[in-house]
Amino acid sequence: HPRYEFGRREQVLKELVDTVIQLVTKARELDVAVTIDAEEVDRLELSLEVFRAIYQSDAVKGWGHFGLVVQAYSKRALPVLHYINRLAD
């Protein structure tokens, strides 16, 4: 997304989530894994929102090939992993 920044949160969620869900649906048909990379720390919260919206969609339910890259060196790595773990429950 050309304006992937928290200040454009609503626009990003509206435009990007639907597009990625379409990609995930096709990837699932082809048995190709999809991973969201949340590397940039200033965009982490937005990436987590995008991930959550897609993860909770019907396109991903029951499919174990959708994931999120977590930067282990980040000070926020453990809280992010705890968040993802709670999301999976």
N, C-alpha and C. Protein backbone atom coordinates (compact mmCIF):
# COMPACT_ATOMS: atom_id res chain seq x y z
N HIS A 1 0.85 -1.17 0.00
CA HIS A 1 0.00 0.00 0.00
C HIS A 1 0.89 1.23 0.00
N PRO A 2 0.63 2.20 -0.87
CA PRO A 2 1.52 3.35 -0.99
C PRO A 2 1.53 4.26 0.24
N ARG A 3 0.50 4.21 1.05
CA ARG A 3 0.43 5.07 2.25
C ARG A 3 0.24 4.20 3.50
N TYR A 4 1.11 3.21 3.65
CA TYR A 4 1.03 2.25 4.76
C TYR A 4 1.60 2.90 6.01
N GLU A 5 0.77 3.69 6.67
CA GLU A 5 1.18 4.38 7.89
C GLU A 5 -0.02 4.51 8.80
N PHE A 6 0.25 4.58 10.10
CA PHE A 6 -0.83 4.57 11.08
C PHE A 6 -1.78 5.75 10.90
N GLY A 7 -1.27 6.88 10.46
CA GLY A 7 -2.13 8.04 10.23
C GLY A 7 -3.19 7.81 9.16
N ARG A 8 -2.98 6.81 8.34
CA ARG A 8 -3.93 6.43 7.28
C ARG A 8 -4.60 5.09 7.60
N ARG A 9 -4.67 4.78 8.88
CA ARG A 9 -5.15 3.48 9.36
C ARG A 9 -6.45 3.04 8.69
N GLU A 10 -7.47 3.87 8.74
CA GLU A 10 -8.78 3.50 8.19
C GLU A 10 -8.68 3.17 6.70
N GLN A 11 -7.98 3.99 5.96
CA GLN A 11 -7.81 3.77 4.53
C GLN A 11 -7.06 2.47 4.26
N VAL A 12 -5.97 2.26 5.00
CA VAL A 12 -5.17 1.04 4.82
C VAL A 12 -6.00 -0.19 5.12
N LEU A 13 -6.71 -0.18 6.25
CA LEU A 13 -7.51 -1.35 6.61
C LEU A 13 -8.59 -1.61 5.56
N LYS A 14 -9.24 -0.57 5.11
CA LYS A 14 -10.30 -0.72 4.12
C LYS A 14 -9.77 -1.29 2.80
N GLU A 15 -8.67 -0.75 2.33
CA GLU A 15 -8.15 -1.14 1.02
C GLU A 15 -7.28 -2.39 1.05
N LEU A 16 -6.43 -2.50 2.04
CA LEU A 16 -5.45 -3.57 2.05
C LEU A 16 -6.01 -4.91 2.52
N VAL A 17 -6.83 -4.89 3.54
CA VAL A 17 -7.35 -6.15 4.09
C VAL A 17 -8.13 -6.93 3.03
N ASP A 18 -9.02 -6.28 2.33
CA ASP A 18 -9.81 -6.98 1.30
C ASP A 18 -8.92 -7.54 0.20
N THR A 19 -7.91 -6.77 -0.20
CA THR A 19 -6.99 -7.23 -1.24
C THR A 19 -6.21 -8.45 -0.77
N VAL A 20 -5.70 -8.41 0.45
CA VAL A 20 -4.93 -9.54 0.96
C VAL A 20 -5.82 -10.75 1.17
N ILE A 21 -7.06 -10.56 1.59
CA ILE A 21 -7.98 -11.69 1.73
C ILE A 21 -8.19 -12.36 0.37
N GLN A 22 -8.29 -11.58 -0.69
CA GLN A 22 -8.41 -12.17 -2.03
C GLN A 22 -7.16 -12.98 -2.38
N LEU A 23 -5.99 -12.44 -2.04
CA LEU A 23 -4.73 -13.16 -2.29
C LEU A 23 -4.66 -14.43 -1.45
N VAL A 24 -5.08 -14.35 -0.20
CA VAL A 24 -5.07 -15.52 0.68
C VAL A 24 -6.01 -16.59 0.15
N THR A 25 -7.16 -16.19 -0.33
CA THR A 25 -8.11 -17.15 -0.88
C THR A 25 -7.49 -17.90 -2.06
N LYS A 26 -6.84 -17.18 -2.95
CA LYS A 26 -6.18 -17.81 -4.09
C LYS A 26 -5.00 -18.66 -3.64
N ALA A 27 -4.23 -18.17 -2.69
CA ALA A 27 -3.09 -18.93 -2.17
C ALA A 27 -3.56 -20.23 -1.52
N ARG A 28 -4.67 -20.17 -0.83
CA ARG A 28 -5.22 -21.37 -0.20
C ARG A 28 -5.61 -22.40 -1.26
N GLU A 29 -6.23 -21.95 -2.33
CA GLU A 29 -6.60 -22.85 -3.42
C GLU A 29 -5.37 -23.53 -4.01
N LEU A 30 -4.26 -22.80 -4.07
CA LEU A 30 -3.02 -23.31 -4.66
C LEU A 30 -2.08 -23.94 -3.64
N ASP A 31 -2.49 -23.95 -2.38
CA ASP A 31 -1.68 -24.49 -1.27
C ASP A 31 -0.33 -23.78 -1.16
N VAL A 32 -0.39 -22.45 -1.18
CA VAL A 32 0.80 -21.61 -1.05
C VAL A 32 0.66 -20.79 0.24
N ALA A 33 1.67 -20.85 1.08
CA ALA A 33 1.63 -20.11 2.35
C ALA A 33 1.73 -18.60 2.12
N VAL A 34 1.12 -17.85 3.02
CA VAL A 34 1.18 -16.39 2.98
C VAL A 34 1.66 -15.91 4.35
N THR A 35 2.64 -15.01 4.34
CA THR A 35 3.19 -14.48 5.58
C THR A 35 3.22 -12.96 5.50
N ILE A 36 2.72 -12.33 6.55
CA ILE A 36 2.77 -10.87 6.67
C ILE A 36 4.07 -10.52 7.39
N ASP A 37 4.84 -9.61 6.84
CA ASP A 37 6.10 -9.20 7.45
C ASP A 37 5.89 -7.87 8.17
N ALA A 38 6.01 -7.91 9.49
CA ALA A 38 5.79 -6.72 10.31
C ALA A 38 7.11 -6.14 10.79
N GLU A 39 8.08 -6.07 9.92
CA GLU A 39 9.44 -5.71 10.29
C GLU A 39 9.60 -4.27 10.78
N GLU A 40 8.98 -3.35 10.13
CA GLU A 40 9.20 -1.94 10.48
C GLU A 40 8.47 -1.59 11.77
N VAL A 41 9.24 -1.22 12.78
CA VAL A 41 8.69 -1.01 14.11
C VAL A 41 7.66 0.13 14.13
N ASP A 42 7.83 1.14 13.31
CA ASP A 42 6.88 2.25 13.30
C ASP A 42 5.55 1.88 12.65
N ARG A 43 5.51 0.74 12.02
CA ARG A 43 4.27 0.27 11.39
C ARG A 43 3.76 -1.02 12.02
N LEU A 44 4.36 -1.43 13.12
CA LEU A 44 4.02 -2.71 13.74
C LEU A 44 2.56 -2.79 14.15
N GLU A 45 2.05 -1.77 14.82
CA GLU A 45 0.66 -1.81 15.28
C GLU A 45 -0.30 -1.93 14.10
N LEU A 46 -0.04 -1.21 13.05
CA LEU A 46 -0.89 -1.30 11.86
C LEU A 46 -0.79 -2.69 11.24
N SER A 47 0.41 -3.23 11.18
CA SER A 47 0.60 -4.59 10.64
C SER A 47 -0.16 -5.61 11.48
N LEU A 48 -0.16 -5.43 12.80
CA LEU A 48 -0.90 -6.35 13.67
C LEU A 48 -2.40 -6.24 13.44
N GLU A 49 -2.88 -5.03 13.20
CA GLU A 49 -4.31 -4.86 12.90
C GLU A 49 -4.68 -5.52 11.58
N VAL A 50 -3.84 -5.34 10.58
CA VAL A 50 -4.07 -5.98 9.28
C VAL A 50 -4.05 -7.49 9.45
N PHE A 51 -3.05 -8.01 10.16
CA PHE A 51 -2.94 -9.45 10.39
C PHE A 51 -4.19 -9.97 11.10
N ARG A 52 -4.60 -9.29 12.18
CA ARG A 52 -5.77 -9.73 12.94
C ARG A 52 -7.02 -9.80 12.06
N ALA A 53 -7.25 -8.76 11.28
CA ALA A 53 -8.44 -8.73 10.43
C ALA A 53 -8.44 -9.89 9.44
N ILE A 54 -7.30 -10.19 8.87
CA ILE A 54 -7.21 -11.29 7.91
C ILE A 54 -7.29 -12.62 8.63
N TYR A 55 -6.59 -12.75 9.75
CA TYR A 55 -6.58 -14.00 10.52
C TYR A 55 -7.99 -14.38 10.97
N GLN A 56 -8.80 -13.40 11.30
CA GLN A 56 -10.15 -13.67 11.77
C GLN A 56 -11.16 -13.82 10.64
N SER A 57 -10.72 -13.68 9.41
CA SER A 57 -11.63 -13.82 8.27
C SER A 57 -11.89 -15.29 7.95
N ASP A 58 -12.96 -15.55 7.26
CA ASP A 58 -13.29 -16.92 6.85
C ASP A 58 -12.24 -17.49 5.90
N ALA A 59 -11.54 -16.63 5.19
CA ALA A 59 -10.53 -17.09 4.23
C ALA A 59 -9.40 -17.85 4.90
N VAL A 60 -9.15 -17.59 6.17
CA VAL A 60 -8.02 -18.19 6.88
C VAL A 60 -8.45 -19.28 7.86
N LYS A 61 -9.68 -19.26 8.29
CA LYS A 61 -10.14 -20.23 9.29
C LYS A 61 -9.83 -21.66 8.87
N GLY A 62 -9.17 -22.39 9.78
CA GLY A 62 -8.85 -23.79 9.52
C GLY A 62 -7.68 -24.02 8.58
N TRP A 63 -7.01 -22.94 8.19
CA TRP A 63 -5.88 -23.05 7.26
C TRP A 63 -4.61 -22.68 8.00
N GLY A 64 -3.67 -23.57 8.06
CA GLY A 64 -2.46 -23.36 8.85
C GLY A 64 -1.30 -22.75 8.10
N HIS A 65 -1.56 -22.09 6.98
CA HIS A 65 -0.46 -21.55 6.17
C HIS A 65 -0.47 -20.03 6.08
N PHE A 66 -1.05 -19.39 7.09
CA PHE A 66 -1.05 -17.93 7.15
C PHE A 66 -0.28 -17.52 8.39
N GLY A 67 0.72 -16.67 8.22
CA GLY A 67 1.56 -16.34 9.37
C GLY A 67 2.01 -14.90 9.40
N LEU A 68 2.76 -14.61 10.45
CA LEU A 68 3.28 -13.28 10.69
C LEU A 68 4.75 -13.38 11.06
N VAL A 69 5.59 -12.58 10.42
CA VAL A 69 7.01 -12.53 10.77
C VAL A 69 7.16 -11.60 11.97
N VAL A 70 7.84 -12.09 13.00
CA VAL A 70 8.11 -11.28 14.19
C VAL A 70 9.62 -11.13 14.31
N GLN A 71 10.07 -9.91 14.44
CA GLN A 71 11.50 -9.65 14.56
C GLN A 71 11.95 -9.95 15.99
N ALA A 72 12.70 -11.01 16.18
CA ALA A 72 13.09 -11.48 17.50
C ALA A 72 13.98 -10.48 18.24
N TYR A 73 14.71 -9.66 17.52
CA TYR A 73 15.61 -8.70 18.16
C TYR A 73 14.87 -7.48 18.71
N SER A 74 13.63 -7.31 18.34
CA SER A 74 12.85 -6.15 18.77
C SER A 74 12.49 -6.26 20.25
N LYS A 75 12.49 -5.13 20.93
CA LYS A 75 12.08 -5.10 22.33
C LYS A 75 10.61 -5.48 22.47
N ARG A 76 9.86 -5.35 21.40
CA ARG A 76 8.42 -5.65 21.43
C ARG A 76 8.11 -7.08 21.01
N ALA A 77 9.13 -7.89 20.76
CA ALA A 77 8.92 -9.24 20.24
C ALA A 77 8.06 -10.09 21.19
N LEU A 78 8.40 -10.14 22.46
CA LEU A 78 7.63 -10.97 23.39
C LEU A 78 6.19 -10.49 23.53
N PRO A 79 5.92 -9.20 23.71
CA PRO A 79 4.52 -8.77 23.74
C PRO A 79 3.77 -9.11 22.45
N VAL A 80 4.43 -9.00 21.31
CA VAL A 80 3.78 -9.35 20.04
C VAL A 80 3.46 -10.83 20.01
N LEU A 81 4.39 -11.66 20.44
CA LEU A 81 4.15 -13.11 20.47
C LEU A 81 3.02 -13.46 21.43
N HIS A 82 2.95 -12.79 22.58
CA HIS A 82 1.84 -13.02 23.52
C HIS A 82 0.51 -12.62 22.87
N TYR A 83 0.51 -11.50 22.17
CA TYR A 83 -0.70 -11.04 21.48
C TYR A 83 -1.16 -12.07 20.44
N ILE A 84 -0.23 -12.56 19.65
CA ILE A 84 -0.56 -13.55 18.62
C ILE A 84 -1.08 -14.83 19.26
N ASN A 85 -0.47 -15.23 20.36
CA ASN A 85 -0.91 -16.42 21.07
C ASN A 85 -2.35 -16.26 21.57
N ARG A 86 -2.66 -15.10 22.13
CA ARG A 86 -4.04 -14.85 22.59
C ARG A 86 -5.01 -14.83 21.41
N LEU A 87 -4.57 -14.27 20.31
CA LEU A 87 -5.41 -14.21 19.11
C LEU A 87 -5.74 -15.62 18.61
N ALA A 88 -4.79 -16.52 18.74
CA ALA A 88 -4.98 -17.89 18.25
C ALA A 88 -5.91 -18.72 19.14
N ASP A 89 -6.10 -18.29 20.37
CA ASP A 89 -6.97 -19.07 21.28
C ASP A 89 -8.43 -18.93 20.98
